[in-house]
Amino acid sequence: MMGTAFGQEQDADYVSMVEAQGDAAYAFDFFTTSMLWTCIAAAMVFIMHLGFATLEAGLTQRKNTVNILFKNVWIISIGLLTYALMGFNTHYPVDSWQIPGILGINGPISGALGGGENDTFAYGGTALAMTAYGDFIFQAMFAATAATIVSGAVAERVKLTSFMIYSTILVAVGYTVAGSWHWGGGWLSSLSTPFKDFAGSTVVHGFGGAAALAAVLILGPRRGKFTAAGVKPILPHNLPLAAIGVFLLFFGWFGFNGGSVLSAAPGPLGLVFVTTALAAAAGALTSIFTAMIVLKKPDLSMALNGILAGLVSITAGADVVGPWQAVIMGAVGGILVVFSIIFFDKIKIDDPVGAISVHGVCGIWGTISLAFFNTEFSIVSQLIGVVGVYAFAFVFSFALFFIIKLIMGVRVDEEEEVAGLDVAEHGAPAYTE
């Protein structure tokens, strides 16, 4: 009898939830499935931070492994909390104090963290089939990515405390303001032909790449990287770890792009998964063959960056191009990343993991190229978006990093750099033998 009563109670709860949907009651199961997919996608994006951590650690020297991992722990943790405090409500300003289309800020009790409707379509309707909390946690996982991109580019010579301050402000303010221009009803969404950046080739990856370039220019190269004789390779200490990181990123990207559908709508969700996978594969192959021709050897690090180049290249248009168009976009990205990494070495800009090339250069290509394959979008609008976001990210990052340099310095001294940041900054090596 108790089991029967409990079952009847559960049935009553279900009926009540369905009735609460009002005119959208017919789509309650879709709403439930979509919300579940959003949470799964958020968890997959979280896994990407493990991917970044292992990739960065693998491509750098063993004496800096603890430092790399520590920075990644810091970034995701401070990123989530600052996004809850102010980032979400800067990213998506509604009923806030604002400079229309440019800047909007709500307090921490508004938006998702203020509660609201969390069991009906009231938050976003059938187009944004998730609750306020679902929206928040998915977007929060995105937020820390920009600082993680910078982390790899400045690896092995940046002061830990300086980077902690820099990354906090970059995620809490810089990323969310630029993102609001596109996703928060800002000026990029108000162009005559709106700027298109589905999951963030420019707004996330390009922002991080441009910010990284600014920080690297201030920081300077690692000691011994560039000599009178030319470029001296500083070899990665653990390529298996780097490969694991890239495959984790590849896996997480299905959540990054797939979750950006903002529902479990089967048509766009299936397309996004296919275009994402094919672009990554094409980027890997073209980077492999390009490296074999240019460098005279099959270079694993280039192949790994080729996968990421393909992923960044498709992220802006994964929902609006076809499978073979995605192959072309990813393939070109894979070629670009090889020449870009070589180019930055030639002009003595030291990026230990190739982050500026992968995220910055390929972010530009991916954002602009979708206009070649889908005539609904304007190359002019795409260029405006790229220039606007990249210029803001570069200037914001440069100013922030320069101010921190003046106040407390941003680079460890020569003795600490030679000894390794694991011992100098953390007092313990990653490996005991």
Protein backbone atom coordinates (compact mmCIF):
# COMPACT_ATOMS: atom_id res chain seq x y z
CA MET A 1 0.00 0.00 0.00
CA MET A 2 2.84 2.36 0.83
CA GLY A 3 4.36 1.66 -2.58
CA THR A 4 1.06 2.42 -4.28
CA ALA A 5 0.62 5.64 -2.34
CA PHE A 6 4.17 6.70 -3.16
CA GLY A 7 3.58 5.99 -6.85
CA GLN A 8 0.38 8.04 -6.85
CA GLU A 9 2.26 10.89 -5.18
CA GLN A 10 4.93 10.75 -7.88
CA ASP A 11 2.26 10.76 -10.60
CA ALA A 12 0.66 13.80 -9.01
CA ASP A 13 4.01 15.61 -8.93
CA TYR A 14 4.55 14.86 -12.61
CA VAL A 15 1.09 16.09 -13.56
CA SER A 16 1.68 19.23 -11.53
CA MET A 17 4.98 19.94 -13.26
CA VAL A 18 3.43 19.40 -16.69
CA GLU A 19 0.49 21.69 -15.90
CA ALA A 20 2.93 24.35 -14.70
CA GLN A 21 4.30 24.64 -18.23
CA GLY A 22 1.14 26.33 -19.41
CA ASP A 23 0.95 26.62 -23.20
CA ALA A 24 4.30 24.80 -23.50
CA ALA A 25 3.07 21.70 -21.63
CA TYR A 26 3.14 19.69 -24.87
CA ALA A 27 6.96 20.01 -24.87
CA PHE A 28 7.63 19.11 -21.24
CA ASP A 29 9.60 15.98 -22.11
CA PHE A 30 11.71 18.02 -24.55
CA PHE A 31 12.35 20.56 -21.80
CA THR A 32 13.47 17.83 -19.41
CA THR A 33 15.74 16.19 -21.98
CA SER A 34 17.22 19.52 -22.99
CA MET A 35 17.98 20.49 -19.42
CA LEU A 36 19.66 17.12 -18.86
CA TRP A 37 21.77 17.59 -22.01
CA THR A 38 22.78 21.10 -20.88
CA CYS A 39 24.08 19.74 -17.57
CA ILE A 40 25.94 16.92 -19.34
CA ALA A 41 27.45 19.42 -21.78
CA ALA A 42 28.54 21.64 -18.88
CA ALA A 43 30.31 18.66 -17.31
CA MET A 44 32.03 17.93 -20.63
CA VAL A 45 33.25 21.52 -20.85
CA PHE A 46 34.58 21.15 -17.32
CA ILE A 47 36.61 18.16 -18.50
CA MET A 48 38.24 20.50 -21.02
CA HIS A 49 40.00 22.22 -18.13
CA LEU A 50 41.65 18.92 -17.27
CA GLY A 51 42.60 18.70 -20.94
CA PHE A 52 44.18 22.15 -20.89
CA ALA A 53 46.05 21.31 -17.69
CA THR A 54 47.55 18.08 -19.02
CA LEU A 55 48.29 19.54 -22.46
CA GLU A 56 50.13 22.53 -21.00
CA ALA A 57 52.01 20.39 -18.51
CA GLY A 58 53.01 17.89 -21.17
CA LEU A 59 54.31 20.48 -23.63
CA THR A 60 56.48 22.26 -21.07
CA GLN A 61 59.48 21.24 -18.95
CA ARG A 62 59.05 18.83 -16.05
CA LYS A 63 60.43 21.39 -13.58
CA ASN A 64 57.31 23.53 -14.12
CA THR A 65 54.62 20.85 -13.96
CA VAL A 66 53.27 21.67 -10.49
CA ASN A 67 53.08 25.34 -11.43
CA ILE A 68 51.08 24.60 -14.59
CA LEU A 69 48.64 22.35 -12.74
CA PHE A 70 48.26 24.83 -9.87
CA LYS A 71 47.37 27.65 -12.26
CA ASN A 72 44.68 25.51 -13.85
CA VAL A 73 43.20 24.67 -10.44
CA TRP A 74 43.13 28.38 -9.66
CA ILE A 75 41.56 29.42 -12.97
CA ILE A 76 38.55 27.10 -12.89
CA SER A 77 37.91 27.77 -9.20
CA ILE A 78 38.15 31.56 -9.28
CA GLY A 79 36.39 31.60 -12.64
CA LEU A 80 33.31 29.84 -11.31
CA LEU A 81 33.04 32.06 -8.24
CA THR A 82 33.61 35.37 -10.02
CA TYR A 83 31.16 34.35 -12.72
CA ALA A 84 28.59 33.73 -9.99
CA LEU A 85 29.41 37.02 -8.27
CA MET A 86 29.27 39.29 -11.30
CA GLY A 87 30.33 37.61 -14.54
CA PHE A 88 27.02 36.02 -15.52
CA ASN A 89 25.14 39.26 -15.05
CA THR A 90 27.74 41.25 -16.97
CA HIS A 91 27.75 38.66 -19.75
CA TYR A 92 23.96 38.76 -20.08
CA PRO A 93 22.84 42.15 -18.77
CA VAL A 94 19.07 42.42 -18.22
CA ASP A 95 17.30 45.27 -16.39
CA SER A 96 20.69 46.53 -15.24
CA TRP A 97 22.67 49.70 -15.07
CA GLN A 98 24.34 49.83 -18.44
CA ILE A 99 25.84 51.69 -21.31
CA PRO A 100 23.39 50.31 -23.90
CA GLY A 101 24.96 47.65 -26.09
CA ILE A 102 28.41 48.09 -24.49
CA LEU A 103 28.33 47.36 -20.76
CA GLY A 104 25.77 46.12 -18.28
CA ILE A 105 26.13 44.99 -14.69
CA ASN A 106 23.65 43.39 -12.32
CA GLY A 107 24.28 42.51 -8.72
CA PRO A 108 25.03 38.95 -7.57
CA ILE A 109 21.44 38.22 -6.51
CA SER A 110 20.00 38.71 -10.00
CA GLY A 111 19.86 36.34 -12.93
CA ALA A 112 20.37 32.63 -12.35
CA LEU A 113 21.59 32.89 -8.79
CA GLY A 114 18.51 34.86 -7.81
CA GLY A 115 16.34 31.77 -8.24
CA GLY A 116 13.45 32.50 -10.56
CA GLU A 117 11.59 29.84 -12.50
CA ASN A 118 13.60 26.64 -12.34
CA ASP A 119 11.10 23.97 -13.26
CA THR A 120 9.25 25.53 -16.20
CA PHE A 121 9.87 27.08 -19.60
CA ALA A 122 9.51 30.53 -18.04
CA TYR A 123 13.26 31.24 -18.12
CA GLY A 124 13.95 30.87 -21.82
CA GLY A 125 10.99 29.27 -23.55
CA THR A 126 11.33 26.34 -25.93
CA ALA A 127 14.22 28.03 -27.78
CA LEU A 128 16.37 28.19 -24.64
CA ALA A 129 15.12 24.96 -23.14
CA MET A 130 16.85 25.09 -19.77
CA THR A 131 16.45 26.55 -16.33
CA ALA A 132 18.27 29.63 -15.09
CA TYR A 133 20.65 27.45 -13.12
CA GLY A 134 21.33 25.30 -16.18
CA ASP A 135 22.16 28.37 -18.22
CA PHE A 136 24.47 29.68 -15.51
CA ILE A 137 26.52 26.52 -15.02
CA PHE A 138 27.00 25.93 -18.74
CA GLN A 139 28.18 29.50 -19.35
CA ALA A 140 30.33 29.48 -16.21
CA MET A 141 32.33 26.56 -17.58
CA PHE A 142 33.07 28.63 -20.68
CA ALA A 143 34.23 31.64 -18.71
CA ALA A 144 37.55 30.33 -17.40
CA THR A 145 38.69 29.13 -20.83
CA ALA A 146 40.06 32.53 -21.88
CA ALA A 147 42.47 32.66 -18.92
CA THR A 148 43.47 29.02 -19.45
CA ILE A 149 44.57 29.89 -22.99
CA VAL A 150 46.81 32.63 -21.59
CA SER A 151 48.18 30.26 -18.95
CA GLY A 152 49.81 28.07 -21.58
CA ALA A 153 51.28 30.99 -23.51
CA VAL A 154 52.99 32.55 -20.46
CA ALA A 155 54.10 29.23 -18.97
CA GLU A 156 57.49 28.66 -17.36
CA ARG A 157 58.38 32.28 -16.52
CA VAL A 158 55.37 34.12 -15.08
CA LYS A 159 55.06 35.00 -11.38
CA LEU A 160 52.31 32.96 -9.80
CA THR A 161 50.69 35.70 -7.69
CA SER A 162 50.78 38.13 -10.61
CA PHE A 163 49.10 35.60 -12.87
CA MET A 164 46.47 34.83 -10.23
CA ILE A 165 45.47 38.50 -10.06
CA TYR A 166 45.61 38.91 -13.83
CA SER A 167 43.51 35.82 -14.60
CA THR A 168 40.87 36.76 -12.03
CA ILE A 169 40.25 40.18 -13.58
CA LEU A 170 40.50 38.87 -17.15
CA VAL A 171 37.77 36.28 -16.54
CA ALA A 172 35.52 38.40 -14.31
CA VAL A 173 35.59 41.58 -16.39
CA GLY A 174 37.37 41.35 -19.75
CA TYR A 175 35.84 38.16 -21.09
CA THR A 176 32.32 38.88 -19.88
CA VAL A 177 32.21 42.42 -21.29
CA ALA A 178 33.42 41.28 -24.73
CA GLY A 179 31.06 38.31 -24.67
CA SER A 180 28.10 40.54 -23.85
CA TRP A 181 28.64 42.42 -27.09
CA HIS A 182 27.64 39.29 -28.97
CA TRP A 183 25.66 37.02 -26.65
CA GLY A 184 24.23 39.61 -24.27
CA GLY A 185 22.37 41.80 -26.74
CA GLY A 186 25.33 44.11 -27.33
CA TRP A 187 26.43 46.04 -30.38
CA LEU A 188 27.69 43.04 -32.37
CA SER A 189 24.22 41.50 -32.30
CA SER A 190 22.77 44.79 -33.54
CA LEU A 191 24.72 45.04 -36.80
CA SER A 192 22.60 45.18 -39.97
CA THR A 193 23.74 41.61 -40.61
CA PRO A 194 24.37 40.26 -37.11
CA PHE A 195 27.79 38.93 -36.22
CA LYS A 196 27.77 35.12 -36.11
CA ASP A 197 29.92 33.21 -33.63
CA PHE A 198 28.02 30.09 -32.62
CA ALA A 199 30.15 28.81 -29.73
CA GLY A 200 33.01 31.27 -29.58
CA SER A 201 35.78 31.02 -32.21
CA THR A 202 36.25 34.74 -31.60
CA VAL A 203 34.39 35.57 -28.39
CA VAL A 204 36.06 32.77 -26.39
CA HIS A 205 39.10 31.43 -28.25
CA GLY A 206 40.03 34.58 -30.14
CA PHE A 207 39.66 36.62 -26.97
CA GLY A 208 42.03 34.27 -25.18
CA GLY A 209 44.51 34.24 -28.06
CA ALA A 210 44.65 38.04 -28.33
CA ALA A 211 44.95 38.40 -24.56
CA ALA A 212 47.77 35.84 -24.58
CA LEU A 213 49.66 37.73 -27.27
CA ALA A 214 49.55 40.93 -25.23
CA ALA A 215 50.78 39.18 -22.08
CA VAL A 216 53.59 37.39 -23.93
CA LEU A 217 54.84 40.65 -25.48
CA ILE A 218 55.19 42.17 -22.00
CA LEU A 219 56.62 39.04 -20.41
CA GLY A 220 59.22 38.20 -23.02
CA PRO A 221 60.54 34.77 -24.10
CA ARG A 222 61.91 32.03 -21.88
CA ARG A 223 65.62 32.28 -21.20
CA GLY A 224 67.63 30.46 -23.83
CA LYS A 225 64.75 30.15 -26.31
CA PHE A 226 66.20 32.61 -28.80
CA THR A 227 69.94 32.86 -29.34
CA ALA A 228 72.26 34.55 -31.81
CA ALA A 229 72.30 31.27 -33.73
CA GLY A 230 68.49 31.17 -34.00
CA VAL A 231 65.68 29.38 -32.24
CA LYS A 232 66.72 26.82 -29.63
CA PRO A 233 63.95 24.27 -29.07
CA ILE A 234 62.88 23.78 -25.45
CA LEU A 235 61.59 20.25 -25.60
CA PRO A 236 58.33 19.11 -23.97
CA HIS A 237 58.84 16.71 -21.09
CA ASN A 238 55.84 14.42 -21.56
CA LEU A 239 54.20 14.08 -24.96
CA PRO A 240 51.93 11.23 -23.81
CA LEU A 241 50.47 13.63 -21.22
CA ALA A 242 50.01 16.26 -23.92
CA ALA A 243 48.23 13.75 -26.17
CA ILE A 244 45.88 12.79 -23.34
CA GLY A 245 45.11 16.48 -22.88
CA VAL A 246 44.20 16.98 -26.53
CA PHE A 247 41.92 13.95 -26.60
CA LEU A 248 40.20 15.23 -23.44
CA LEU A 249 39.74 18.57 -25.17
CA PHE A 250 38.37 16.85 -28.29
CA PHE A 251 35.87 14.98 -26.11
CA GLY A 252 34.90 18.09 -24.19
CA TRP A 253 34.41 20.06 -27.41
CA PHE A 254 31.33 17.98 -28.19
CA GLY A 255 29.86 19.57 -25.06
CA PHE A 256 31.34 22.98 -25.87
CA ASN A 257 29.75 23.10 -29.32
CA GLY A 258 26.88 20.67 -28.74
CA GLY A 259 25.74 22.43 -25.59
CA SER A 260 25.69 25.72 -27.49
CA VAL A 261 22.62 24.46 -29.36
CA LEU A 262 20.94 25.42 -26.04
CA SER A 263 18.54 22.51 -26.25
CA ALA A 264 18.39 18.88 -27.28
CA ALA A 265 16.83 19.73 -30.65
CA PRO A 266 17.85 16.66 -32.68
CA GLY A 267 18.50 18.37 -36.01
CA PRO A 268 21.07 21.00 -35.01
CA LEU A 269 22.56 18.81 -32.27
CA GLY A 270 23.41 16.02 -34.70
CA LEU A 271 24.82 18.47 -37.26
CA VAL A 272 27.03 20.18 -34.67
CA PHE A 273 28.48 16.87 -33.49
CA VAL A 274 29.31 15.85 -37.07
CA THR A 275 30.85 19.18 -38.14
CA THR A 276 32.89 19.35 -34.93
CA ALA A 277 34.32 15.84 -35.39
CA LEU A 278 35.09 16.21 -39.09
CA ALA A 279 36.80 19.60 -38.70
CA ALA A 280 39.03 18.23 -35.94
CA ALA A 281 40.01 15.21 -38.03
CA ALA A 282 40.73 17.36 -41.08
CA GLY A 283 42.83 19.75 -38.98
CA ALA A 284 44.87 16.86 -37.66
CA LEU A 285 45.61 15.41 -41.11
CA THR A 286 46.56 18.68 -42.79
CA SER A 287 48.82 19.67 -39.90
CA ILE A 288 50.51 16.27 -40.09
CA PHE A 289 51.21 16.52 -43.82
CA THR A 290 52.16 20.20 -43.63
CA ALA A 291 54.66 19.48 -40.85
CA MET A 292 56.08 16.53 -42.79
CA ILE A 293 56.71 18.79 -45.78
CA VAL A 294 57.94 21.89 -43.94
CA LEU A 295 59.74 20.31 -40.97
CA LYS A 296 60.75 17.12 -42.80
CA LYS A 297 59.24 14.92 -40.09
CA PRO A 298 55.85 13.87 -38.68
CA ASP A 299 55.70 16.10 -35.60
CA LEU A 300 53.32 14.91 -32.85
CA SER A 301 52.97 18.32 -31.21
CA MET A 302 51.92 19.82 -34.55
CA ALA A 303 49.41 16.99 -35.06
CA LEU A 304 47.93 17.63 -31.62
CA ASN A 305 47.70 21.34 -32.27
CA GLY A 306 46.16 20.52 -35.65
CA ILE A 307 43.24 18.79 -33.91
CA LEU A 308 42.70 21.87 -31.77
CA ALA A 309 43.08 24.15 -34.78
CA GLY A 310 40.30 22.28 -36.56
CA LEU A 311 38.08 22.52 -33.50
CA VAL A 312 38.63 26.25 -33.07
CA SER A 313 38.05 26.78 -36.80
CA ILE A 314 34.61 25.14 -36.76
CA THR A 315 33.37 26.58 -33.48
CA ALA A 316 31.98 29.79 -34.99
CA GLY A 317 29.86 28.05 -37.61
CA ALA A 318 29.31 24.47 -36.46
CA ASP A 319 25.53 24.86 -36.71
CA VAL A 320 25.33 26.58 -40.10
CA VAL A 321 27.77 24.76 -42.40
CA GLY A 322 27.61 21.29 -43.87
CA PRO A 323 29.92 18.35 -43.17
CA TRP A 324 32.23 18.82 -46.15
CA GLN A 325 32.39 22.55 -45.58
CA ALA A 326 33.46 21.76 -42.02
CA VAL A 327 36.22 19.55 -43.43
CA ILE A 328 37.54 22.47 -45.49
CA MET A 329 37.39 24.85 -42.53
CA GLY A 330 39.22 22.41 -40.28
CA ALA A 331 41.75 21.50 -42.96
CA VAL A 332 42.75 25.10 -43.57
CA GLY A 333 43.00 25.61 -39.81
CA GLY A 334 45.41 22.68 -39.60
CA ILE A 335 47.67 24.22 -42.23
CA LEU A 336 47.50 27.69 -40.70
CA VAL A 337 48.52 26.53 -37.24
CA VAL A 338 51.80 25.01 -38.47
CA PHE A 339 52.89 28.13 -40.32
CA SER A 340 51.67 30.37 -37.50
CA ILE A 341 53.72 28.55 -34.85
CA ILE A 342 56.80 28.77 -37.09
CA PHE A 343 56.11 32.47 -37.77
CA PHE A 344 55.86 33.43 -34.09
CA ASP A 345 59.13 31.63 -33.40
CA LYS A 346 60.79 33.57 -36.24
CA ILE A 347 59.71 36.93 -34.80
CA LYS A 348 60.83 35.80 -31.33
CA ILE A 349 57.46 35.57 -29.66
CA ASP A 350 57.68 32.61 -27.30
CA ASP A 351 54.48 30.61 -26.87
CA PRO A 352 55.38 27.24 -25.31
CA VAL A 353 52.12 25.49 -26.26
CA GLY A 354 51.12 27.29 -29.47
CA ALA A 355 48.06 28.87 -27.83
CA ILE A 356 48.24 32.14 -29.77
CA SER A 357 48.31 30.24 -33.06
CA VAL A 358 45.65 27.67 -32.17
CA HIS A 359 43.14 29.98 -30.54
CA GLY A 360 44.02 33.40 -31.92
CA VAL A 361 44.95 32.76 -35.55
CA CYS A 362 42.51 29.90 -36.14
CA GLY A 363 39.80 31.83 -34.32
CA ILE A 364 40.07 34.53 -36.98
CA TRP A 365 39.92 31.98 -39.80
CA GLY A 366 36.96 30.13 -38.35
CA THR A 367 34.93 33.28 -37.74
CA ILE A 368 35.50 34.80 -41.16
CA SER A 369 35.36 31.60 -43.21
CA LEU A 370 31.81 30.67 -42.26
CA ALA A 371 30.67 33.61 -44.39
CA PHE A 372 32.26 31.85 -47.39
CA PHE A 373 30.05 28.81 -46.89
CA ASN A 374 26.79 30.37 -45.72
CA THR A 375 25.53 33.42 -47.59
CA GLU A 376 23.19 34.40 -44.75
CA PHE A 377 26.19 35.92 -43.04
CA SER A 378 28.27 38.93 -44.08
CA ILE A 379 32.04 38.84 -44.24
CA VAL A 380 31.97 42.53 -43.29
CA SER A 381 30.07 41.81 -40.07
CA GLN A 382 32.41 38.91 -39.33
CA LEU A 383 35.45 41.13 -39.80
CA ILE A 384 33.93 43.83 -37.60
CA GLY A 385 33.36 41.28 -34.85
CA VAL A 386 36.89 39.90 -35.09
CA VAL A 387 38.52 43.34 -35.07
CA GLY A 388 36.33 44.58 -32.21
CA VAL A 389 36.84 41.61 -29.91
CA TYR A 390 40.53 41.05 -30.69
CA ALA A 391 41.39 44.74 -30.27
CA PHE A 392 39.54 44.94 -26.96
CA ALA A 393 41.10 41.71 -25.66
CA PHE A 394 44.60 42.81 -26.64
CA VAL A 395 44.30 46.30 -25.15
CA PHE A 396 42.56 45.11 -21.97
CA SER A 397 45.12 42.36 -21.41
CA PHE A 398 48.09 44.57 -22.22
CA ALA A 399 46.95 47.34 -19.88
CA LEU A 400 46.10 44.93 -17.07
CA PHE A 401 49.34 42.96 -17.33
CA PHE A 402 51.42 46.15 -17.64
CA ILE A 403 49.86 47.66 -14.52
CA ILE A 404 50.56 44.47 -12.58
CA LYS A 405 54.13 44.55 -13.89
CA LEU A 406 54.60 48.10 -12.60
CA ILE A 407 53.16 47.26 -9.18
CA MET A 408 54.62 43.83 -8.41
CA GLY A 409 56.38 42.47 -11.46
CA VAL A 410 55.19 39.66 -13.71
CA ARG A 411 58.30 37.59 -14.28
CA VAL A 412 60.30 35.36 -11.97
CA ASP A 413 64.02 36.10 -11.67
CA GLU A 414 66.64 34.20 -13.64
CA GLU A 415 67.64 31.90 -10.78
CA GLU A 416 64.03 30.80 -10.20
CA GLU A 417 63.41 30.25 -13.89
CA VAL A 418 66.51 28.09 -14.24
CA ALA A 419 65.64 26.07 -11.11
CA GLY A 420 62.04 25.65 -12.20
CA LEU A 421 58.85 27.17 -10.82
CA ASP A 422 57.81 23.98 -9.04
CA VAL A 423 60.57 24.45 -6.47
CA ALA A 424 60.79 28.26 -6.63
CA GLU A 425 57.06 28.96 -6.34
CA HIS A 426 55.66 25.83 -4.69
CA GLY A 427 58.58 24.28 -2.81
CA ALA A 428 58.06 20.81 -4.28
CA PRO A 429 58.77 19.11 -7.60
CA ALA A 430 56.13 17.16 -9.51
CA TYR A 431 58.37 14.11 -9.78
CA THR A 432 60.55 12.60 -7.08
CA GLU A 433 62.96 10.85 -9.42
